[in-house]
């Protein structure tokens, strides 16, 4: 997940969410490794380039986003459950 060697991957994921919400691409570039893989209900195992193209620019549609759970998964993985509210009112 991370290009950094210090701190846990869960902490890195939390920092990635913060960079997404702030739309801080420079911070996200520093945090997200070249072999990053992202899966969500809308995306199945997309790579770093696809994440930055499809997902990263979408924060402006959110009213709020809260991390419900972030836990280590197999290998270097992290499972994160989050809830967001769209400006349009959907969750």
PDB file of N, CA and C in Angstrom:
ATOM      1  N   UNK A   1       0.817  -1.187   0.000  1.00  0.00           N
ATOM      2  CA  UNK A   1       0.000   0.000   0.000  1.00  0.00           C
ATOM      3  C   UNK A   1       0.859   1.248   0.000  1.00  0.00           C
ATOM      4  N   UNK A   2       1.729   1.372   0.935  1.00  0.00           N
ATOM      5  CA  UNK A   2       2.434   2.620   1.147  1.00  0.00           C
ATOM      6  C   UNK A   2       3.840   2.606   0.599  1.00  0.00           C
ATOM      7  N   UNK A   3       4.282   3.786   0.208  1.00  0.00           N
ATOM      8  CA  UNK A   3       5.678   3.970  -0.146  1.00  0.00           C
ATOM      9  C   UNK A   3       6.504   4.177   1.112  1.00  0.00           C
ATOM     10  N   UNK A   4       5.853   4.458   2.223  1.00  0.00           N
ATOM     11  CA  UNK A   4       6.547   4.730   3.471  1.00  0.00           C
ATOM     12  C   UNK A   4       6.827   3.436   4.203  1.00  0.00           C
ATOM     13  N   UNK A   5       7.929   3.398   4.945  1.00  0.00           N
ATOM     14  CA  UNK A   5       8.248   2.192   5.695  1.00  0.00           C
ATOM     15  C   UNK A   5       7.866   2.329   7.162  1.00  0.00           C
ATOM     16  N   UNK A   6       7.556   3.508   7.620  1.00  0.00           N
ATOM     17  CA  UNK A   6       7.185   3.670   9.019  1.00  0.00           C
ATOM     18  C   UNK A   6       5.670   3.755   9.159  1.00  0.00           C
ATOM     19  N   UNK A   7       5.181   3.411  10.350  1.00  0.00           N
ATOM     20  CA  UNK A   7       3.748   3.465  10.594  1.00  0.00           C
ATOM     21  C   UNK A   7       3.038   2.261  10.015  1.00  0.00           C
ATOM     22  N   UNK A   8       1.871   1.999  10.535  1.00  0.00           N
ATOM     23  CA  UNK A   8       1.101   0.853  10.057  1.00  0.00           C
ATOM     24  C   UNK A   8       0.359   1.192   8.767  1.00  0.00           C
ATOM     25  N   UNK A   9       0.023   0.172   8.027  1.00  0.00           N
ATOM     26  CA  UNK A   9      -0.744   0.377   6.795  1.00  0.00           C
ATOM     27  C   UNK A   9      -2.113   0.979   7.083  1.00  0.00           C
ATOM     28  N   UNK A  10      -2.682   0.666   8.240  1.00  0.00           N
ATOM     29  CA  UNK A  10      -3.974   1.267   8.608  1.00  0.00           C
ATOM     30  C   UNK A  10      -3.816   2.782   8.737  1.00  0.00           C
ATOM     31  N   UNK A  11      -2.732   3.222   9.356  1.00  0.00           N
ATOM     32  CA  UNK A  11      -2.477   4.664   9.470  1.00  0.00           C
ATOM     33  C   UNK A  11      -2.293   5.294   8.095  1.00  0.00           C
ATOM     34  N   UNK A  12      -1.632   4.589   7.204  1.00  0.00           N
ATOM     35  CA  UNK A  12      -1.420   5.093   5.847  1.00  0.00           C
ATOM     36  C   UNK A  12      -2.760   5.221   5.129  1.00  0.00           C
ATOM     37  N   UNK A  13      -3.624   4.236   5.288  1.00  0.00           N
ATOM     38  CA  UNK A  13      -4.950   4.304   4.655  1.00  0.00           C
ATOM     39  C   UNK A  13      -5.733   5.487   5.197  1.00  0.00           C
ATOM     40  N   UNK A  14      -5.682   5.688   6.488  1.00  0.00           N
ATOM     41  CA  UNK A  14      -6.372   6.856   7.070  1.00  0.00           C
ATOM     42  C   UNK A  14      -5.822   8.161   6.473  1.00  0.00           C
ATOM     43  N   UNK A  15      -4.518   8.242   6.318  1.00  0.00           N
ATOM     44  CA  UNK A  15      -3.906   9.426   5.713  1.00  0.00           C
ATOM     45  C   UNK A  15      -4.324   9.564   4.248  1.00  0.00           C
ATOM     46  N   UNK A  16      -4.467   8.443   3.554  1.00  0.00           N
ATOM     47  CA  UNK A  16      -4.926   8.476   2.154  1.00  0.00           C
ATOM     48  C   UNK A  16      -6.339   9.018   2.058  1.00  0.00           C
ATOM     49  N   UNK A  17      -7.203   8.603   2.975  1.00  0.00           N
ATOM     50  CA  UNK A  17      -8.575   9.120   2.983  1.00  0.00           C
ATOM     51  C   UNK A  17      -8.550  10.625   3.218  1.00  0.00           C
ATOM     52  N   UNK A  18      -7.720  11.073   4.133  1.00  0.00           N
ATOM     53  CA  UNK A  18      -7.609  12.516   4.385  1.00  0.00           C
ATOM     54  C   UNK A  18      -7.131  13.251   3.133  1.00  0.00           C
ATOM     55  N   UNK A  19      -6.146  12.676   2.427  1.00  0.00           N
ATOM     56  CA  UNK A  19      -5.648  13.338   1.217  1.00  0.00           C
ATOM     57  C   UNK A  19      -6.732  13.360   0.133  1.00  0.00           C
ATOM     58  N   UNK A  20      -7.531  12.307   0.050  1.00  0.00           N
ATOM     59  CA  UNK A  20      -8.648  12.263  -0.895  1.00  0.00           C
ATOM     60  C   UNK A  20      -9.654  13.355  -0.580  1.00  0.00           C
ATOM     61  N   UNK A  21     -10.077  13.442   0.672  1.00  0.00           N
ATOM     62  CA  UNK A  21     -11.084  14.433   1.046  1.00  0.00           C
ATOM     63  C   UNK A  21     -10.583  15.856   0.824  1.00  0.00           C
ATOM     64  N   UNK A  22      -9.292  16.075   1.049  1.00  0.00           N
ATOM     65  CA  UNK A  22      -8.691  17.395   0.838  1.00  0.00           C
ATOM     66  C   UNK A  22      -8.297  17.618  -0.621  1.00  0.00           C
ATOM     67  N   UNK A  23      -8.408  16.553  -1.436  1.00  0.00           N
ATOM     68  CA  UNK A  23      -7.970  16.579  -2.831  1.00  0.00           C
ATOM     69  C   UNK A  23      -6.508  17.004  -2.932  1.00  0.00           C
ATOM     70  N   UNK A  24      -5.700  16.454  -2.041  1.00  0.00           N
ATOM     71  CA  UNK A  24      -4.271  16.723  -1.991  1.00  0.00           C
ATOM     72  C   UNK A  24      -3.551  15.613  -2.759  1.00  0.00           C
ATOM     73  N   UNK A  25      -3.453  15.781  -4.057  1.00  0.00           N
ATOM     74  CA  UNK A  25      -2.858  14.751  -4.911  1.00  0.00           C
ATOM     75  C   UNK A  25      -1.389  14.517  -4.570  1.00  0.00           C
ATOM     76  N   UNK A  26      -0.664  15.558  -4.217  1.00  0.00           N
ATOM     77  CA  UNK A  26       0.760  15.401  -3.874  1.00  0.00           C
ATOM     78  C   UNK A  26       0.916  14.478  -2.671  1.00  0.00           C
ATOM     79  N   UNK A  27       0.086  14.653  -1.661  1.00  0.00           N
ATOM     80  CA  UNK A  27       0.146  13.778  -0.481  1.00  0.00           C
ATOM     81  C   UNK A  27      -0.219  12.353  -0.867  1.00  0.00           C
ATOM     82  N   UNK A  28      -1.257  12.191  -1.655  1.00  0.00           N
ATOM     83  CA  UNK A  28      -1.679  10.850  -2.085  1.00  0.00           C
ATOM     84  C   UNK A  28      -0.580  10.173  -2.895  1.00  0.00           C
ATOM     85  N   UNK A  29       0.078  10.917  -3.762  1.00  0.00           N
ATOM     86  CA  UNK A  29       1.189  10.356  -4.553  1.00  0.00           C
ATOM     87  C   UNK A  29       2.294   9.828  -3.651  1.00  0.00           C
ATOM     88  N   UNK A  30       2.569  10.536  -2.569  1.00  0.00           N
ATOM     89  CA  UNK A  30       3.612  10.092  -1.630  1.00  0.00           C
ATOM     90  C   UNK A  30       3.180   8.853  -0.845  1.00  0.00           C
ATOM     91  N   UNK A  31       1.902   8.705  -0.595  1.00  0.00           N
ATOM     92  CA  UNK A  31       1.389   7.627   0.253  1.00  0.00           C
ATOM     93  C   UNK A  31       1.103   6.331  -0.495  1.00  0.00           C
ATOM     94  N   UNK A  32       0.660   6.430  -1.730  1.00  0.00           N
ATOM     95  CA  UNK A  32       0.153   5.263  -2.447  1.00  0.00           C
ATOM     96  C   UNK A  32       1.247   4.638  -3.306  1.00  0.00           C
ATOM     97  N   UNK A  33       1.518   3.358  -3.056  1.00  0.00           N
ATOM     98  CA  UNK A  33       2.577   2.628  -3.748  1.00  0.00           C
ATOM     99  C   UNK A  33       2.218   2.375  -5.211  1.00  0.00           C
ATOM    100  N   UNK A  34       3.239   2.122  -6.010  1.00  0.00           N
ATOM    101  CA  UNK A  34       3.047   1.854  -7.433  1.00  0.00           C
ATOM    102  C   UNK A  34       2.206   0.600  -7.674  1.00  0.00           C
ATOM    103  N   UNK A  35       2.286  -0.398  -6.788  1.00  0.00           N
ATOM    104  CA  UNK A  35       1.531  -1.648  -6.968  1.00  0.00           C
ATOM    105  C   UNK A  35       0.194  -1.652  -6.215  1.00  0.00           C
ATOM    106  N   UNK A  36      -0.288  -0.478  -5.850  1.00  0.00           N
ATOM    107  CA  UNK A  36      -1.567  -0.301  -5.160  1.00  0.00           C
ATOM    108  C   UNK A  36      -2.705  -0.956  -5.944  1.00  0.00           C
ATOM    109  N   UNK A  37      -3.599  -1.621  -5.216  1.00  0.00           N
ATOM    110  CA  UNK A  37      -4.815  -2.219  -5.794  1.00  0.00           C
ATOM    111  C   UNK A  37      -5.986  -1.789  -4.923  1.00  0.00           C
ATOM    112  N   UNK A  38      -7.056  -1.321  -5.552  1.00  0.00           N
ATOM    113  CA  UNK A  38      -8.224  -0.803  -4.845  1.00  0.00           C
ATOM    114  C   UNK A  38      -9.468  -1.550  -5.281  1.00  0.00           C
ATOM    115  N   UNK A  39     -10.269  -1.948  -4.298  1.00  0.00           N
ATOM    116  CA  UNK A  39     -11.545  -2.600  -4.571  1.00  0.00           C
ATOM    117  C   UNK A  39     -12.618  -1.908  -3.738  1.00  0.00           C
ATOM    118  N   UNK A  40     -13.746  -1.651  -4.363  1.00  0.00           N
ATOM    119  CA  UNK A  40     -14.902  -1.061  -3.691  1.00  0.00           C
ATOM    120  C   UNK A  40     -16.146  -1.666  -4.338  1.00  0.00           C
ATOM    121  N   UNK A  41     -17.332  -1.309  -3.846  1.00  0.00           N
ATOM    122  CA  UNK A  41     -18.531  -1.826  -4.509  1.00  0.00           C
ATOM    123  C   UNK A  41     -18.626  -1.430  -5.986  1.00  0.00           C
ATOM    124  N   UNK A  42     -17.974  -0.336  -6.378  1.00  0.00           N
ATOM    125  CA  UNK A  42     -18.019   0.104  -7.770  1.00  0.00           C
ATOM    126  C   UNK A  42     -16.805  -0.329  -8.591  1.00  0.00           C
ATOM    127  N   UNK A  43     -15.730  -0.700  -7.929  1.00  0.00           N
ATOM    128  CA  UNK A  43     -14.467  -0.990  -8.625  1.00  0.00           C
ATOM    129  C   UNK A  43     -13.891  -2.303  -8.106  1.00  0.00           C
ATOM    130  N   UNK A  44     -13.487  -3.161  -9.025  1.00  0.00           N
ATOM    131  CA  UNK A  44     -12.933  -4.459  -8.639  1.00  0.00           C
ATOM    132  C   UNK A  44     -11.455  -4.539  -9.007  1.00  0.00           C
ATOM    133  N   UNK A  45     -10.608  -4.407  -7.997  1.00  0.00           N
ATOM    134  CA  UNK A  45      -9.155  -4.567  -8.139  1.00  0.00           C
ATOM    135  C   UNK A  45      -8.562  -3.655  -9.212  1.00  0.00           C
ATOM    136  N   UNK A  46      -8.865  -2.362  -9.105  1.00  0.00           N
ATOM    137  CA  UNK A  46      -8.275  -1.416 -10.053  1.00  0.00           C
ATOM    138  C   UNK A  46      -6.884  -1.013  -9.573  1.00  0.00           C
ATOM    139  N   UNK A  47      -6.033  -0.629 -10.517  1.00  0.00           N
ATOM    140  CA  UNK A  47      -4.663  -0.255 -10.170  1.00  0.00           C
ATOM    141  C   UNK A  47      -4.582   1.223  -9.781  1.00  0.00           C
ATOM    142  N   UNK A  48      -3.389   1.636  -9.458  1.00  0.00           N
ATOM    143  CA  UNK A  48      -3.128   3.002  -8.992  1.00  0.00           C
ATOM    144  C   UNK A  48      -3.595   4.036 -10.022  1.00  0.00           C
ATOM    145  N   UNK A  49      -3.234   3.847 -11.281  1.00  0.00           N
ATOM    146  CA  UNK A  49      -3.604   4.808 -12.323  1.00  0.00           C
ATOM    147  C   UNK A  49      -5.121   4.933 -12.446  1.00  0.00           C
ATOM    148  N   UNK A  50      -5.825   3.800 -12.441  1.00  0.00           N
ATOM    149  CA  UNK A  50      -7.289   3.832 -12.543  1.00  0.00           C
ATOM    150  C   UNK A  50      -7.905   4.482 -11.310  1.00  0.00           C
ATOM    151  N   UNK A  51      -7.336   4.232 -10.133  1.00  0.00           N
ATOM    152  CA  UNK A  51      -7.833   4.868  -8.909  1.00  0.00           C
ATOM    153  C   UNK A  51      -7.734   6.387  -9.026  1.00  0.00           C
ATOM    154  N   UNK A  52      -6.567   6.882  -9.450  1.00  0.00           N
ATOM    155  CA  UNK A  52      -6.403   8.330  -9.568  1.00  0.00           C
ATOM    156  C   UNK A  52      -7.283   8.920 -10.665  1.00  0.00           C
ATOM    157  N   UNK A  53      -7.545   8.160 -11.701  1.00  0.00           N
ATOM    158  CA  UNK A  53      -8.389   8.646 -12.792  1.00  0.00           C
ATOM    159  C   UNK A  53      -9.868   8.627 -12.421  1.00  0.00           C
ATOM    160  N   UNK A  54     -10.341   7.512 -11.856  1.00  0.00           N
ATOM    161  CA  UNK A  54     -11.772   7.311 -11.607  1.00  0.00           C
ATOM    162  C   UNK A  54     -12.242   7.781 -10.249  1.00  0.00           C
ATOM    163  N   UNK A  55     -11.479   7.484  -9.222  1.00  0.00           N
ATOM    164  CA  UNK A  55     -11.959   7.663  -7.853  1.00  0.00           C
ATOM    165  C   UNK A  55     -11.497   8.963  -7.197  1.00  0.00           C
ATOM    166  N   UNK A  56     -10.226   9.261  -7.329  1.00  0.00           N
ATOM    167  CA  UNK A  56      -9.661  10.393  -6.587  1.00  0.00           C
ATOM    168  C   UNK A  56     -10.380  11.709  -6.852  1.00  0.00           C
ATOM    169  N   UNK A  57     -10.772  12.028  -8.090  1.00  0.00           N
ATOM    170  CA  UNK A  57     -11.390  13.339  -8.347  1.00  0.00           C
ATOM    171  C   UNK A  57     -12.831  13.487  -7.851  1.00  0.00           C
ATOM    172  N   UNK A  58     -13.393  12.510  -7.166  1.00  0.00           N
ATOM    173  CA  UNK A  58     -14.824  12.534  -6.852  1.00  0.00           C
ATOM    174  C   UNK A  58     -15.183  13.114  -5.490  1.00  0.00           C
ATOM    175  N   UNK A  59     -14.230  13.578  -4.724  1.00  0.00           N
ATOM    176  CA  UNK A  59     -14.511  14.050  -3.366  1.00  0.00           C
ATOM    177  C   UNK A  59     -15.474  15.229  -3.329  1.00  0.00           C
ATOM    178  N   UNK A  60     -15.523  16.019  -4.372  1.00  0.00           N
ATOM    179  CA  UNK A  60     -16.394  17.192  -4.363  1.00  0.00           C
ATOM    180  C   UNK A  60     -17.877  16.838  -4.325  1.00  0.00           C
ATOM    181  N   UNK A  61     -18.206  15.584  -4.573  1.00  0.00           N
ATOM    182  CA  UNK A  61     -19.619  15.172  -4.528  1.00  0.00           C
ATOM    183  C   UNK A  61     -20.058  14.798  -3.110  1.00  0.00           C
ATOM    184  N   UNK A  62     -19.104  14.769  -2.161  1.00  0.00           N
ATOM    185  CA  UNK A  62     -19.401  14.328  -0.802  1.00  0.00           C
ATOM    186  C   UNK A  62     -19.705  15.489   0.136  1.00  0.00           C
ATOM    187  N   UNK A  63     -20.689  15.264   0.979  1.00  0.00           N
ATOM    188  CA  UNK A  63     -20.943  16.185   2.090  1.00  0.00           C
ATOM    189  C   UNK A  63     -20.063  15.770   3.268  1.00  0.00           C
ATOM    190  N   UNK A  64     -19.948  14.459   3.472  1.00  0.00           N
ATOM    191  CA  UNK A  64     -19.108  13.952   4.563  1.00  0.00           C
ATOM    192  C   UNK A  64     -18.703  12.518   4.255  1.00  0.00           C
ATOM    193  N   UNK A  65     -17.627  12.080   4.905  1.00  0.00           N
ATOM    194  CA  UNK A  65     -17.196  10.686   4.833  1.00  0.00           C
ATOM    195  C   UNK A  65     -16.593  10.328   6.179  1.00  0.00           C
ATOM    196  N   UNK A  66     -17.003   9.178   6.703  1.00  0.00           N
ATOM    197  CA  UNK A  66     -16.521   8.717   8.002  1.00  0.00           C
ATOM    198  C   UNK A  66     -16.007   7.290   7.876  1.00  0.00           C
ATOM    199  N   UNK A  67     -14.839   7.059   8.420  1.00  0.00           N
ATOM    200  CA  UNK A  67     -14.304   5.697   8.483  1.00  0.00           C
ATOM    201  C   UNK A  67     -14.992   4.991   9.636  1.00  0.00           C
ATOM    202  N   UNK A  68     -15.658   3.882   9.339  1.00  0.00           N
ATOM    203  CA  UNK A  68     -16.340   3.082  10.356  1.00  0.00           C
ATOM    204  C   UNK A  68     -15.354   2.091  10.975  1.00  0.00           C
ATOM    205  N   UNK A  69     -14.536   1.483  10.130  1.00  0.00           N
ATOM    206  CA  UNK A  69     -13.571   0.466  10.572  1.00  0.00           C
ATOM    207  C   UNK A  69     -12.415   0.448   9.590  1.00  0.00           C
ATOM    208  N   UNK A  70     -11.208   0.306  10.107  1.00  0.00           N
ATOM    209  CA  UNK A  70     -10.010   0.120   9.274  1.00  0.00           C
ATOM    210  C   UNK A  70      -9.126  -0.883  10.000  1.00  0.00           C
ATOM    211  N   UNK A  71      -8.936  -2.044   9.381  1.00  0.00           N
ATOM    212  CA  UNK A  71      -8.183  -3.123  10.035  1.00  0.00           C
ATOM    213  C   UNK A  71      -7.210  -3.761   9.050  1.00  0.00           C
ATOM    214  N   UNK A  72      -6.105  -4.291   9.573  1.00  0.00           N
ATOM    215  CA  UNK A  72      -5.176  -5.009   8.695  1.00  0.00           C
ATOM    216  C   UNK A  72      -5.861  -6.218   8.066  1.00  0.00           C
ATOM    217  N   UNK A  73      -5.496  -6.503   6.832  1.00  0.00           N
ATOM    218  CA  UNK A  73      -5.988  -7.685   6.124  1.00  0.00           C
ATOM    219  C   UNK A  73      -4.772  -8.510   5.730  1.00  0.00           C
ATOM    220  N   UNK A  74      -4.956  -9.524   4.935  1.00  0.00           N
ATOM    221  CA  UNK A  74      -3.842 -10.402   4.580  1.00  0.00           C
ATOM    222  C   UNK A  74      -2.732  -9.635   3.869  1.00  0.00           C
ATOM    223  N   UNK A  75      -1.502 -10.089   4.080  1.00  0.00           N
ATOM    224  CA  UNK A  75      -0.352  -9.422   3.472  1.00  0.00           C
ATOM    225  C   UNK A  75      -0.257  -7.988   3.950  1.00  0.00           C
ATOM    226  N   UNK A  76      -0.071  -7.088   2.998  1.00  0.00           N
ATOM    227  CA  UNK A  76       0.008  -5.653   3.313  1.00  0.00           C
ATOM    228  C   UNK A  76      -1.346  -4.971   3.228  1.00  0.00           C
ATOM    229  N   UNK A  77      -2.408  -5.745   2.984  1.00  0.00           N
ATOM    230  CA  UNK A  77      -3.733  -5.177   2.751  1.00  0.00           C
ATOM    231  C   UNK A  77      -4.368  -4.556   3.968  1.00  0.00           C
ATOM    232  N   UNK A  78      -5.339  -3.716   3.704  1.00  0.00           N
ATOM    233  CA  UNK A  78      -6.154  -3.085   4.740  1.00  0.00           C
ATOM    234  C   UNK A  78      -7.593  -3.159   4.277  1.00  0.00           C
ATOM    235  N   UNK A  79      -8.473  -3.561   5.179  1.00  0.00           N
ATOM    236  CA  UNK A  79      -9.908  -3.533   4.901  1.00  0.00           C
ATOM    237  C   UNK A  79     -10.447  -2.292   5.574  1.00  0.00           C
ATOM    238  N   UNK A  80     -11.151  -1.480   4.800  1.00  0.00           N
ATOM    239  CA  UNK A  80     -11.724  -0.256   5.350  1.00  0.00           C
ATOM    240  C   UNK A  80     -13.215  -0.219   5.023  1.00  0.00           C
ATOM    241  N   UNK A  81     -13.998   0.064   6.031  1.00  0.00           N
ATOM    242  CA  UNK A  81     -15.435   0.274   5.841  1.00  0.00           C
ATOM    243  C   UNK A  81     -15.684   1.748   6.141  1.00  0.00           C
ATOM    244  N   UNK A  82     -16.364   2.395   5.233  1.00  0.00           N
ATOM    245  CA  UNK A  82     -16.642   3.812   5.422  1.00  0.00           C
ATOM    246  C   UNK A  82     -18.061   4.109   4.976  1.00  0.00           C
ATOM    247  N   UNK A  83     -18.559   5.209   5.470  1.00  0.00           N
ATOM    248  CA  UNK A  83     -19.879   5.675   5.063  1.00  0.00           C
ATOM    249  C   UNK A  83     -19.736   7.122   4.611  1.00  0.00           C
ATOM    250  N   UNK A  84     -20.378   7.434   3.523  1.00  0.00           N
ATOM    251  CA  UNK A  84     -20.345   8.813   3.072  1.00  0.00           C
ATOM    252  C   UNK A  84     -21.749   9.281   2.769  1.00  0.00           C
ATOM    253  N   UNK A  85     -21.913  10.594   2.848  1.00  0.00           N
ATOM    254  CA  UNK A  85     -23.166  11.214   2.460  1.00  0.00           C
ATOM    255  C   UNK A  85     -22.878  12.129   1.279  1.00  0.00           C
ATOM    256  N   UNK A  86     -23.643  11.954   0.234  1.00  0.00           N
ATOM    257  CA  UNK A  86     -23.500  12.770  -0.951  1.00  0.00           C
ATOM    258  C   UNK A  86     -24.179  14.122  -0.753  1.00  0.00           C
ATOM    259  N   UNK A  87     -23.705  15.124  -1.427  1.00  0.00           N
ATOM    260  CA  UNK A  87     -24.347  16.436  -1.370  1.00  0.00           C
ATOM    261  C   UNK A  87     -25.791  16.360  -1.860  1.00  0.00           C
ATOM    262  N   UNK A  88     -26.055  15.375  -2.720  1.00  0.00           N
ATOM    263  CA  UNK A  88     -27.414  15.178  -3.225  1.00  0.00           C
ATOM    264  C   UNK A  88     -28.315  14.478  -2.213  1.00  0.00           C
ATOM    265  N   UNK A  89     -27.729  14.038  -1.084  1.00  0.00           N
ATOM    266  CA  UNK A  89     -28.511  13.424  -0.017  1.00  0.00           C
ATOM    267  C   UNK A  89     -28.374  11.929   0.100  1.00  0.00           C
ATOM    268  N   UNK A  90     -27.858  11.240  -0.905  1.00  0.00           N
ATOM    269  CA  UNK A  90     -27.687   9.799  -0.840  1.00  0.00           C
ATOM    270  C   UNK A  90     -26.563   9.393   0.092  1.00  0.00           C
ATOM    271  N   UNK A  91     -26.626   8.119   0.533  1.00  0.00           N
ATOM    272  CA  UNK A  91     -25.574   7.554   1.374  1.00  0.00           C
ATOM    273  C   UNK A  91     -25.043   6.319   0.705  1.00  0.00           C
TER     274      UNK A  91
END
